[in-house]
Amino acid sequence: MKFLTNSLAKKMWLTVTAAIIITILYSYFLSYLFYEKIYVENVRESLLTEGRSLSSEYKGGPLTEDLREKIDWYNSKAETEVFIVSNPRELSACLPFEIDYQTLIGEEEREELLKGSAVEKLGYEKRFDRKIMGVIIPLLDDNRLQGIIYLYVPLAKISEITQDFAYLWFAAALIFTVISIILGTMLVKKLTKPLLDMKDAADHVSKGYYDIHLNIDSKDEIGQLASAFNHMSSSIQKEDEKKKDFLANVSHELRTPISYVKGYSEALISEMAESEEDRQKYLQLIIRESKRMERLVGDLLDLSKLESDEYKLEKMPLPLGQLIEDAIEKYKPILREKNLDLQYRLDPEVIINGDEGRIEQIIQNIMDNSIRYTGEGRIRILLSQEKDKCVIEIEDTGIGISEEHLSKIKHRFYRVNKGRTRSDGGTGLGLAIAEKLVKLHQGELTVLSELNKGTTVKIVLPLFEIR
C-alpha cells in the first residue's frame, strides 16, 4: 500500500481508476433497477388493460356460460393466465398453486372491488421459483359483486431479461475502463509533470543552485505556482549575489586599511622608522586607517539596523530649514580650506515629521560626497515646498557621473572608477544609507548628474500634517 501512495501521481492514478470503476458499477446497478421497475410496470399495465377489456364483455346479472367460454378461449390463446369465477373462493380450484383466500382477497381488497377498482397482487411463488404478478378485476351489477376476472403471469427473472444486455454492458464497460485508464494515466502524467519539475528544481535550489528556471506556460494554479517559484528562485539568486558582492566588497574595503595598520605597526616595532618625524608619520597613517575602518564598520551597522524590520524612527515635528542650516555649519572650515563657495536658500516655513538625527545624517552623507568630489567651485542647497511635499536639492559643480554609472551609484560600495582607492576616506555606503533613511521617511531620493559638470541630489519628503 505504501508503494501505491508514496507519490502524488500514483495517488491521482488510483483516484481516477477508482472513480471510473465506481461510476461503471453504479451505472450498471442503476440501469438494472430501472430496467426491473420498467419491466414490472409494463406487465402490470398490460394485465390491467387486458382485464378491463375482458370485463367490458360482462353486461350484468349472473355470469353466463357464454362469457365463461369467451374467457376460457382467451386464456388458451394469451400468454396471460385468465380465470373468471362467481365466487373468489373458487380460485383455489382453478390455480395450479395453492393460495390463501384471506391473503389474496381480504377485507380491504373486497372494499376496493366493491368500489369498482382493480386489485393488484405481487408475490413469490415457490413452484415457479419466481414472482407472480396478478390482477383482480371486479364484475359488478348494481354495486353487487357478481364475480371476478383473475389474471396473472409469472414474472421473468431480471437476470433472464438482462442477460444479453449484461454481456453487452460488460464488454462496453471493459473497453470504456481500458480507454479511461489510458487517458487518465496520460492526464495524470501531464498534470504531475510540472509538479515533478518543481520538486527537482526545489532540490537544486536547496543545494545552492539558484539559476534554475521552470518552463511552464499554463495559466492555471500550477502555472502560477511555477511563476512564483521562478520569481522566488531569481530573488534568492539576486540576494545571494548581493551577499557575495557585499562580503567581497567589505573584505576589499577592510583589506587596505588592515594592511596599512599591519605594515606600519610592524615598521614601528622593528624600528624601521629612523627619525621621530617618520614615527609620527607612521602613527598618523595608522590612526587614519583605523578611523576609516571605524567609519566603515559604523556605516555597515547603520545599514544593518535600517534594513531590519524592527528599526523605528523617533519622529517629531522638525523645522527643516533650521536643521539643514545647523548641519552645514560644521562644514564651513573645510569649505574655506577647499575654496568652495556655499550657497543656500532655505524656506523657513517647511516643517516635516522626521527623526532629527537621521535627517541630519542624510544631509551630512550627501554633503560629504559633494565636498569630496568637488575641487574648486560651488555647492548650493535649496529647500522649497511643492503642494504637500518639500524638496531638498544639494547641487555641486564637481566631477559629475557618467550616464552608464548613474543608475548604480546608490548601490553599496559601487565605484565609478574601479581602480580608485578610498584614500580620501569614503566608505561607499553614504548614498545607500541616505536613500534608506529617505524611504523610511516615506520620501524619495534621486541623483541627477552630468560628467565634468556636477551632480544634483534631490530629496522629496512629505510635509508635516496638522490634524
Protein backbone atom coordinates (compact mmCIF):
# COMPACT_ATOMS: atom_id res chain seq x y z
CA MET A 1 0.00 0.00 0.00
CA LYS A 2 2.86 2.39 0.79
CA PHE A 3 4.26 1.78 -2.69
CA LEU A 4 0.99 2.97 -4.21
CA THR A 5 0.71 6.10 -2.05
CA ASN A 6 4.29 7.36 -1.94
CA SER A 7 3.77 9.76 -4.85
CA LEU A 8 1.10 12.19 -5.99
CA ALA A 9 0.98 10.63 -9.48
CA LYS A 10 0.12 7.20 -8.06
CA LYS A 11 -2.50 8.68 -5.76
CA MET A 12 -4.11 10.54 -8.66
CA TRP A 13 -3.96 7.41 -10.83
CA LEU A 14 -5.65 5.37 -8.10
CA THR A 15 -8.27 8.09 -7.66
CA VAL A 16 -9.05 8.21 -11.39
CA THR A 17 -9.22 4.40 -11.65
CA ALA A 18 -11.43 4.10 -8.56
CA ALA A 19 -13.73 6.85 -9.87
CA ILE A 20 -14.07 5.04 -13.23
CA ILE A 21 -14.85 1.66 -11.61
CA ILE A 22 -17.33 3.16 -9.15
CA THR A 23 -19.05 5.05 -11.97
CA ILE A 24 -19.38 1.89 -14.08
CA LEU A 25 -20.73 -0.21 -11.19
CA TYR A 26 -23.14 2.50 -10.10
CA SER A 27 -24.40 2.95 -13.68
CA TYR A 28 -24.86 -0.80 -14.07
CA PHE A 29 -26.85 -1.28 -10.87
CA LEU A 30 -28.88 1.85 -11.51
CA SER A 31 -29.74 0.61 -15.01
CA TYR A 32 -30.56 -2.82 -13.56
CA LEU A 33 -33.01 -1.30 -11.06
CA PHE A 34 -34.64 0.95 -13.64
CA TYR A 35 -34.94 -1.96 -16.10
CA GLU A 36 -36.65 -4.11 -13.47
CA LYS A 37 -39.00 -1.30 -12.46
CA ILE A 38 -39.96 -0.58 -16.08
CA TYR A 39 -40.50 -4.30 -16.82
CA VAL A 40 -42.76 -4.87 -13.81
CA GLU A 41 -44.66 -1.66 -14.53
CA ASN A 42 -45.23 -2.74 -18.13
CA VAL A 43 -46.54 -6.15 -17.02
CA ARG A 44 -48.90 -4.52 -14.53
CA GLU A 45 -50.26 -2.07 -17.12
CA SER A 46 -50.70 -4.92 -19.62
CA LEU A 47 -52.66 -7.06 -17.12
CA LEU A 48 -54.89 -4.14 -16.16
CA THR A 49 -55.58 -3.35 -19.82
CA GLU A 50 -56.38 -7.00 -20.59
CA GLY A 51 -58.58 -7.32 -17.51
CA ARG A 52 -60.58 -4.16 -18.22
CA SER A 53 -61.00 -5.20 -21.85
CA LEU A 54 -62.34 -8.61 -20.79
CA SER A 55 -64.58 -7.13 -18.10
CA SER A 56 -66.24 -4.96 -20.75
CA GLU A 57 -67.83 -8.18 -22.10
CA TYR A 58 -69.83 -8.50 -18.85
CA LYS A 59 -73.33 -6.96 -19.26
CA GLY A 60 -74.65 -7.51 -15.76
CA GLY A 61 -76.50 -10.22 -13.87
CA PRO A 62 -75.18 -13.67 -13.07
CA LEU A 63 -72.16 -14.86 -15.03
CA THR A 64 -73.27 -16.59 -18.22
CA GLU A 65 -71.80 -19.67 -19.80
CA ASP A 66 -71.10 -17.67 -22.95
CA LEU A 67 -68.90 -15.23 -21.03
CA ARG A 68 -67.03 -18.08 -19.39
CA GLU A 69 -66.34 -19.64 -22.77
CA LYS A 70 -65.02 -16.37 -24.15
CA ILE A 71 -62.65 -16.02 -21.16
CA ASP A 72 -61.53 -19.64 -21.49
CA TRP A 73 -60.89 -19.13 -25.20
CA TYR A 74 -58.85 -16.01 -24.49
CA ASN A 75 -56.95 -17.90 -21.80
CA SER A 76 -56.00 -20.58 -24.28
CA LYS A 77 -54.64 -18.03 -26.74
CA ALA A 78 -52.94 -15.50 -24.45
CA GLU A 79 -49.68 -15.83 -22.55
CA THR A 80 -51.51 -14.48 -19.53
CA GLU A 81 -53.39 -16.90 -17.31
CA VAL A 82 -57.05 -15.72 -17.05
CA PHE A 83 -59.84 -17.12 -14.88
CA ILE A 84 -63.41 -15.98 -14.32
CA VAL A 85 -65.29 -17.13 -11.20
CA SER A 86 -68.51 -16.16 -9.48
CA ASN A 87 -67.05 -16.64 -6.03
CA PRO A 88 -63.40 -15.70 -5.29
CA ARG A 89 -63.14 -18.85 -3.15
CA GLU A 90 -63.37 -20.89 -6.37
CA LEU A 91 -59.92 -19.60 -7.43
CA SER A 92 -58.14 -22.25 -5.37
CA ALA A 93 -59.64 -24.92 -7.63
CA CYS A 94 -58.57 -23.08 -10.80
CA LEU A 95 -54.99 -22.10 -9.97
CA PRO A 96 -52.09 -24.55 -10.34
CA PHE A 97 -50.72 -23.45 -6.99
CA GLU A 98 -52.10 -23.11 -3.50
CA ILE A 99 -53.43 -19.76 -2.38
CA ASP A 100 -54.73 -18.35 0.86
CA TYR A 101 -58.05 -16.76 0.04
CA GLN A 102 -57.90 -14.40 3.03
CA THR A 103 -54.45 -13.24 1.97
CA LEU A 104 -55.47 -12.87 -1.66
CA ILE A 105 -58.75 -11.01 -1.03
CA GLY A 106 -59.00 -9.57 2.43
CA GLU A 107 -61.45 -7.05 3.77
CA GLU A 108 -59.61 -4.06 2.31
CA GLU A 109 -59.34 -5.72 -1.12
CA ARG A 110 -63.05 -6.58 -1.07
CA GLU A 111 -63.91 -2.94 -0.35
CA GLU A 112 -61.81 -1.89 -3.33
CA LEU A 113 -63.52 -4.42 -5.58
CA LEU A 114 -66.96 -3.21 -4.49
CA LYS A 115 -65.89 0.31 -5.49
CA GLY A 116 -65.08 -0.97 -8.96
CA SER A 117 -61.30 -0.72 -8.51
CA ALA A 118 -58.91 -3.42 -9.62
CA VAL A 119 -56.70 -5.11 -7.03
CA GLU A 120 -53.04 -5.81 -7.83
CA LYS A 121 -51.03 -8.60 -6.24
CA LEU A 122 -47.29 -9.27 -6.40
CA GLY A 123 -45.73 -12.20 -4.57
CA TYR A 124 -43.24 -15.04 -4.80
CA GLU A 125 -44.44 -18.48 -5.84
CA LYS A 126 -42.16 -21.32 -4.83
CA ARG A 127 -43.49 -23.67 -7.52
CA PHE A 128 -42.46 -21.32 -10.31
CA ASP A 129 -39.37 -20.08 -8.46
CA ARG A 130 -40.25 -16.56 -9.41
CA LYS A 131 -42.56 -13.73 -8.58
CA ILE A 132 -46.20 -13.72 -9.69
CA MET A 133 -47.94 -10.55 -10.84
CA GLY A 134 -51.73 -10.85 -10.51
CA VAL A 135 -54.67 -8.52 -11.16
CA ILE A 136 -58.24 -8.98 -9.92
CA ILE A 137 -60.95 -7.19 -11.93
CA PRO A 138 -64.42 -6.92 -10.26
CA LEU A 139 -67.63 -7.68 -12.17
CA LEU A 140 -70.33 -5.52 -10.54
CA ASP A 141 -74.06 -5.32 -11.03
CA ASP A 142 -75.84 -2.59 -9.04
CA ASN A 143 -72.94 -2.40 -6.56
CA ARG A 144 -73.12 -6.15 -6.07
CA LEU A 145 -70.05 -8.29 -6.76
CA GLN A 146 -71.26 -10.94 -9.24
CA GLY A 147 -67.79 -12.35 -9.95
CA ILE A 148 -64.18 -11.58 -10.70
CA ILE A 149 -61.71 -11.97 -13.54
CA TYR A 150 -58.28 -13.01 -12.21
CA LEU A 151 -55.26 -12.53 -14.45
CA TYR A 152 -51.74 -13.49 -13.51
CA VAL A 153 -48.36 -14.01 -15.13
CA PRO A 154 -45.09 -15.34 -13.70
CA LEU A 155 -42.52 -12.59 -13.96
CA ALA A 156 -39.34 -13.45 -15.76
CA LYS A 157 -36.23 -13.11 -13.62
CA ILE A 158 -34.41 -9.87 -14.27
CA SER A 159 -31.23 -11.84 -14.88
CA GLU A 160 -33.02 -13.64 -17.72
CA ILE A 161 -34.25 -10.38 -19.21
CA THR A 162 -30.94 -8.57 -18.93
CA GLN A 163 -28.63 -11.45 -19.79
CA ASP A 164 -27.85 -10.21 -23.27
CA PHE A 165 -27.81 -6.67 -22.01
CA ALA A 166 -25.33 -7.66 -19.27
CA TYR A 167 -22.93 -9.19 -21.79
CA LEU A 168 -23.01 -6.07 -23.94
CA TRP A 169 -22.69 -3.88 -20.88
CA PHE A 170 -19.70 -5.82 -19.60
CA ALA A 171 -17.91 -5.63 -22.97
CA ALA A 172 -18.61 -1.89 -23.30
CA ALA A 173 -17.61 -1.28 -19.68
CA LEU A 174 -14.34 -3.16 -20.18
CA ILE A 175 -13.49 -1.10 -23.27
CA PHE A 176 -14.51 2.10 -21.52
CA THR A 177 -12.39 1.19 -18.48
CA VAL A 178 -9.29 0.47 -20.54
CA ILE A 179 -9.63 3.68 -22.59
CA SER A 180 -10.38 5.75 -19.47
CA ILE A 181 -7.39 4.35 -17.59
CA ILE A 182 -5.09 5.07 -20.56
CA LEU A 183 -6.41 8.62 -20.95
CA GLY A 184 -6.44 9.09 -17.18
CA THR A 185 -2.82 7.98 -16.93
CA MET A 186 -1.85 10.42 -19.68
CA LEU A 187 -3.76 13.20 -17.89
CA VAL A 188 -2.15 12.36 -14.55
CA LYS A 189 1.31 12.45 -16.14
CA LYS A 190 0.54 15.79 -17.77
CA LEU A 191 -0.74 17.24 -14.50
CA THR A 192 2.04 15.90 -12.31
CA LYS A 193 4.99 16.58 -14.64
CA PRO A 194 5.14 20.31 -13.71
CA LEU A 195 5.00 19.33 -10.04
CA LEU A 196 7.83 16.84 -10.51
CA ASP A 197 9.81 19.53 -12.35
CA MET A 198 9.21 21.90 -9.43
CA LYS A 199 10.31 19.22 -6.97
CA ASP A 200 13.57 18.71 -8.90
CA ALA A 201 14.03 22.48 -9.14
CA ALA A 202 13.44 22.87 -5.39
CA ASP A 203 16.09 20.19 -4.75
CA HIS A 204 18.56 22.17 -6.89
CA VAL A 205 17.73 25.41 -5.05
CA SER A 206 18.18 23.68 -1.68
CA LYS A 207 21.70 22.71 -2.83
CA GLY A 208 22.56 26.30 -3.70
CA TYR A 209 21.92 26.26 -7.46
CA TYR A 210 19.65 29.27 -7.91
CA ASP A 211 19.92 29.72 -11.70
CA ILE A 212 17.27 27.09 -12.49
CA HIS A 213 14.17 28.20 -14.43
CA LEU A 214 10.89 26.35 -14.94
CA ASN A 215 9.40 26.48 -18.46
CA ILE A 216 5.71 26.02 -17.60
CA ASP A 217 3.39 28.14 -19.74
CA SER A 218 -0.01 27.11 -18.34
CA LYS A 219 -2.16 29.84 -16.79
CA ASP A 220 -3.78 27.66 -14.12
CA GLU A 221 -2.77 27.34 -10.45
CA ILE A 222 0.21 25.11 -11.36
CA GLY A 223 1.42 27.71 -13.86
CA GLN A 224 1.02 30.44 -11.26
CA LEU A 225 2.94 28.31 -8.75
CA ALA A 226 5.73 27.79 -11.30
CA SER A 227 5.86 31.53 -11.98
CA ALA A 228 6.05 32.22 -8.24
CA PHE A 229 8.83 29.62 -7.94
CA ASN A 230 10.81 31.24 -10.78
CA HIS A 231 10.39 34.63 -9.13
CA MET A 232 11.48 33.19 -5.78
CA SER A 233 14.50 31.49 -7.35
CA SER A 234 15.52 34.69 -9.15
CA SER A 235 15.09 36.71 -5.95
CA ILE A 236 17.18 34.24 -3.95
CA GLN A 237 19.83 34.27 -6.68
CA LYS A 238 19.96 38.06 -6.65
CA GLU A 239 20.13 38.17 -2.87
CA ASP A 240 22.85 35.53 -2.91
CA GLU A 241 24.81 37.52 -5.46
CA LYS A 242 24.30 40.67 -3.40
CA LYS A 243 25.52 38.85 -0.31
CA LYS A 244 28.60 37.58 -2.12
CA ASP A 245 29.29 41.02 -3.58
CA PHE A 246 28.73 42.59 -0.18
CA LEU A 247 31.15 40.23 1.54
CA ALA A 248 33.68 40.69 -1.25
CA ASN A 249 33.36 44.47 -1.03
CA VAL A 250 33.63 44.51 2.76
CA SER A 251 36.68 42.26 2.57
CA HIS A 252 38.21 44.51 -0.10
CA GLU A 253 37.44 47.69 1.82
CA LEU A 254 38.94 46.31 5.04
CA ARG A 255 41.96 44.73 3.40
CA THR A 256 43.66 48.04 2.54
CA PRO A 257 43.41 49.73 5.96
CA ILE A 258 44.28 46.49 7.74
CA SER A 259 47.37 46.06 5.55
CA TYR A 260 48.37 49.68 6.27
CA VAL A 261 47.89 49.25 10.01
CA LYS A 262 49.74 45.94 9.99
CA GLY A 263 52.61 47.22 7.84
CA TYR A 264 53.22 50.46 9.71
CA SER A 265 52.80 48.74 13.08
CA GLU A 266 55.46 46.20 12.10
CA ALA A 267 57.66 49.05 10.88
CA LEU A 268 57.39 50.78 14.27
CA ILE A 269 58.03 47.55 16.18
CA SER A 270 61.06 46.69 14.07
CA GLU A 271 62.27 50.30 14.45
CA MET A 272 62.39 50.82 10.70
CA ALA A 273 61.46 54.47 11.27
CA GLU A 274 64.82 56.22 11.55
CA SER A 275 63.54 59.51 12.91
CA GLU A 276 60.86 60.83 15.21
CA GLU A 277 59.25 62.51 12.23
CA ASP A 278 58.91 59.13 10.45
CA ARG A 279 57.46 57.51 13.56
CA GLN A 280 54.85 60.28 13.88
CA LYS A 281 54.05 59.91 10.21
CA TYR A 282 53.51 56.15 10.63
CA LEU A 283 51.33 56.71 13.70
CA GLN A 284 49.20 59.24 11.84
CA LEU A 285 48.73 56.75 9.00
CA ILE A 286 47.73 54.04 11.47
CA ILE A 287 45.23 56.41 13.12
CA ARG A 288 43.83 57.45 9.71
CA GLU A 289 43.30 53.87 8.59
CA SER A 290 41.82 52.92 11.96
CA LYS A 291 39.31 55.73 11.63
CA ARG A 292 38.48 54.57 8.13
CA MET A 293 37.76 51.06 9.44
CA GLU A 294 35.74 52.58 12.27
CA ARG A 295 33.62 54.59 9.79
CA LEU A 296 33.15 51.55 7.58
CA VAL A 297 32.03 49.34 10.47
CA GLY A 298 29.75 52.14 11.72
CA ASP A 299 28.15 52.54 8.31
CA LEU A 300 27.66 48.78 8.00
CA LEU A 301 25.99 48.68 11.41
CA ASP A 302 23.77 51.62 10.44
CA LEU A 303 22.76 49.92 7.20
CA SER A 304 22.05 46.65 9.00
CA LYS A 305 19.84 48.45 11.55
CA LEU A 306 17.95 50.36 8.87
CA GLU A 307 17.20 47.21 6.89
CA SER A 308 15.79 45.33 9.87
CA ASP A 309 12.02 45.36 10.26
CA GLU A 310 12.35 46.20 13.95
CA TYR A 311 14.08 49.57 13.38
CA LYS A 312 11.86 52.52 14.32
CA LEU A 313 12.40 56.21 13.67
CA GLU A 314 11.92 58.66 16.52
CA LYS A 315 9.78 61.15 14.65
CA MET A 316 8.76 64.64 15.74
CA PRO A 317 7.80 67.91 14.01
CA LEU A 318 11.02 69.49 12.69
CA PRO A 319 11.69 72.92 11.13
CA LEU A 320 13.71 71.52 8.24
CA GLY A 321 15.37 74.77 7.15
CA GLN A 322 16.92 75.37 10.58
CA LEU A 323 18.02 71.73 10.79
CA ILE A 324 19.83 71.93 7.43
CA GLU A 325 21.48 75.23 8.38
CA ASP A 326 22.77 73.73 11.63
CA ALA A 327 24.00 70.60 9.84
CA ILE A 328 26.08 72.51 7.25
CA GLU A 329 27.60 74.87 9.83
CA LYS A 330 30.31 72.33 10.70
CA TYR A 331 31.40 72.16 7.03
CA LYS A 332 32.35 75.84 6.71
CA PRO A 333 36.04 75.36 7.73
CA ILE A 334 36.64 72.59 5.18
CA LEU A 335 34.73 74.57 2.54
CA ARG A 336 37.07 77.54 3.08
CA GLU A 337 40.05 75.21 3.00
CA LYS A 338 38.98 73.75 -0.39
CA ASN A 339 37.96 77.21 -1.66
CA LEU A 340 34.37 76.08 -2.20
CA ASP A 341 31.54 78.61 -2.35
CA LEU A 342 28.48 77.52 -0.31
CA GLN A 343 25.11 78.99 -1.28
CA TYR A 344 21.78 78.11 0.23
CA ARG A 345 18.17 79.25 0.14
CA LEU A 346 16.00 77.55 2.72
CA ASP A 347 12.24 78.01 3.17
CA PRO A 348 11.79 78.61 6.93
CA GLU A 349 8.13 77.55 6.78
CA VAL A 350 8.89 73.92 5.92
CA ILE A 351 8.05 71.53 8.76
CA ILE A 352 8.31 67.75 8.44
CA ASN A 353 7.60 64.83 10.73
CA GLY A 354 11.01 63.19 10.97
CA ASP A 355 13.83 61.78 13.05
CA GLU A 356 16.20 64.71 13.73
CA GLY A 357 19.37 62.64 13.96
CA ARG A 358 18.61 60.64 10.83
CA ILE A 359 17.63 63.69 8.74
CA GLU A 360 20.92 65.31 9.75
CA GLN A 361 22.72 62.10 8.74
CA ILE A 362 21.12 62.28 5.27
CA ILE A 363 22.35 65.86 4.77
CA GLN A 364 25.84 65.01 6.06
CA ASN A 365 26.23 61.94 3.81
CA ILE A 366 25.32 63.95 0.72
CA MET A 367 27.44 66.94 1.76
CA ASP A 368 30.42 64.62 2.34
CA ASN A 369 30.15 63.37 -1.25
CA SER A 370 29.68 66.86 -2.68
CA ILE A 371 32.76 68.19 -0.90
CA ARG A 372 34.81 65.07 -1.66
CA TYR A 373 34.21 65.16 -5.41
CA THR A 374 34.26 68.91 -5.97
CA GLY A 375 37.61 70.65 -6.36
CA GLU A 376 37.08 74.39 -6.68
CA GLY A 377 33.58 75.55 -7.42
CA ARG A 378 30.20 75.85 -5.77
CA ILE A 379 27.82 73.86 -3.60
CA ARG A 380 24.24 75.10 -3.46
CA ILE A 381 21.41 73.88 -1.18
CA LEU A 382 17.76 74.70 -1.90
CA LEU A 383 14.67 73.91 0.23
CA SER A 384 11.20 74.60 -1.10
CA GLN A 385 7.59 73.45 -0.86
CA GLU A 386 5.58 71.73 -3.59
CA LYS A 387 1.94 71.12 -2.59
CA ASP A 388 2.00 68.61 0.30
CA LYS A 389 5.72 67.85 -0.06
CA CYS A 390 9.04 69.59 0.37
CA VAL A 391 12.07 69.36 -1.93
CA ILE A 392 15.74 69.48 -0.89
CA GLU A 393 18.28 69.95 -3.68
CA ILE A 394 22.02 69.71 -2.99
CA GLU A 395 23.88 70.74 -6.13
CA ASP A 396 27.65 70.81 -6.75
CA THR A 397 29.94 71.65 -9.67
CA GLY A 398 32.19 68.64 -9.15
CA ILE A 399 33.43 65.89 -11.43
CA GLY A 400 29.94 64.51 -12.10
CA ILE A 401 28.90 60.98 -13.00
CA SER A 402 28.52 59.48 -16.47
CA GLU A 403 25.11 58.11 -17.52
CA GLU A 404 26.30 54.48 -17.51
CA HIS A 405 27.19 54.69 -13.81
CA LEU A 406 24.32 56.90 -12.65
CA SER A 407 21.78 54.08 -12.20
CA LYS A 408 24.19 52.13 -9.95
CA ILE A 409 25.65 54.99 -7.92
CA LYS A 410 23.36 54.26 -4.94
CA HIS A 411 24.47 50.63 -4.72
CA ARG A 412 26.66 49.65 -1.79
CA PHE A 413 30.40 50.07 -2.41
CA TYR A 414 29.81 50.95 -6.05
CA ARG A 415 32.80 52.72 -7.62
CA VAL A 416 32.73 54.69 -10.84
CA ASN A 417 36.49 54.16 -11.16
CA LYS A 418 37.22 50.54 -10.23
CA GLY A 419 40.91 51.26 -9.86
CA ARG A 420 40.39 54.14 -7.41
CA THR A 421 41.28 53.53 -3.78
CA ARG A 422 39.49 55.10 -0.85
CA SER A 423 42.47 57.16 0.26
CA ASP A 424 40.04 60.04 0.68
CA GLY A 425 38.28 58.16 3.45
CA GLY A 426 34.92 57.36 1.77
CA THR A 427 33.20 54.06 2.60
CA GLY A 428 30.94 53.86 -0.45
CA LEU A 429 27.87 53.46 1.76
CA GLY A 430 26.82 57.09 2.22
CA LEU A 431 24.25 57.26 -0.57
CA ALA A 432 22.89 53.78 0.20
CA ILE A 433 22.30 54.82 3.82
CA ALA A 434 20.83 58.17 2.78
CA GLU A 435 18.39 56.56 0.37
CA LYS A 436 17.29 54.02 3.00
CA LEU A 437 16.67 56.79 5.53
CA VAL A 438 14.70 58.82 2.99
CA LYS A 439 12.49 55.81 2.22
CA LEU A 440 11.88 55.28 5.93
CA HIS A 441 10.56 58.86 5.97
CA GLN A 442 8.20 57.94 3.06
CA GLY A 443 10.31 60.05 0.72
CA GLU A 444 12.29 59.65 -2.48
CA LEU A 445 15.95 60.31 -3.33
CA THR A 446 17.14 60.78 -6.92
CA VAL A 447 20.56 61.64 -8.33
CA LEU A 448 20.99 63.81 -11.46
CA SER A 449 24.44 64.29 -12.87
CA GLU A 450 26.46 65.15 -15.95
CA LEU A 451 30.09 64.23 -16.39
CA ASN A 452 32.53 67.13 -15.64
CA LYS A 453 29.62 69.48 -14.90
CA GLY A 454 28.37 68.44 -11.48
CA THR A 455 25.79 66.45 -9.55
CA THR A 456 22.41 67.26 -8.00
CA VAL A 457 20.87 65.12 -5.29
CA LYS A 458 17.11 65.70 -4.99
CA ILE A 459 15.18 64.62 -1.91
CA VAL A 460 11.37 64.75 -1.70
CA LEU A 461 9.77 64.39 1.76
CA PRO A 462 6.14 64.69 2.91
CA LEU A 463 5.24 67.80 4.90
CA PHE A 464 4.00 67.55 8.49
CA GLU A 465 0.21 67.26 8.59
CA ILE A 466 -1.56 69.21 11.34
CA ARG A 467 -4.64 67.28 12.45
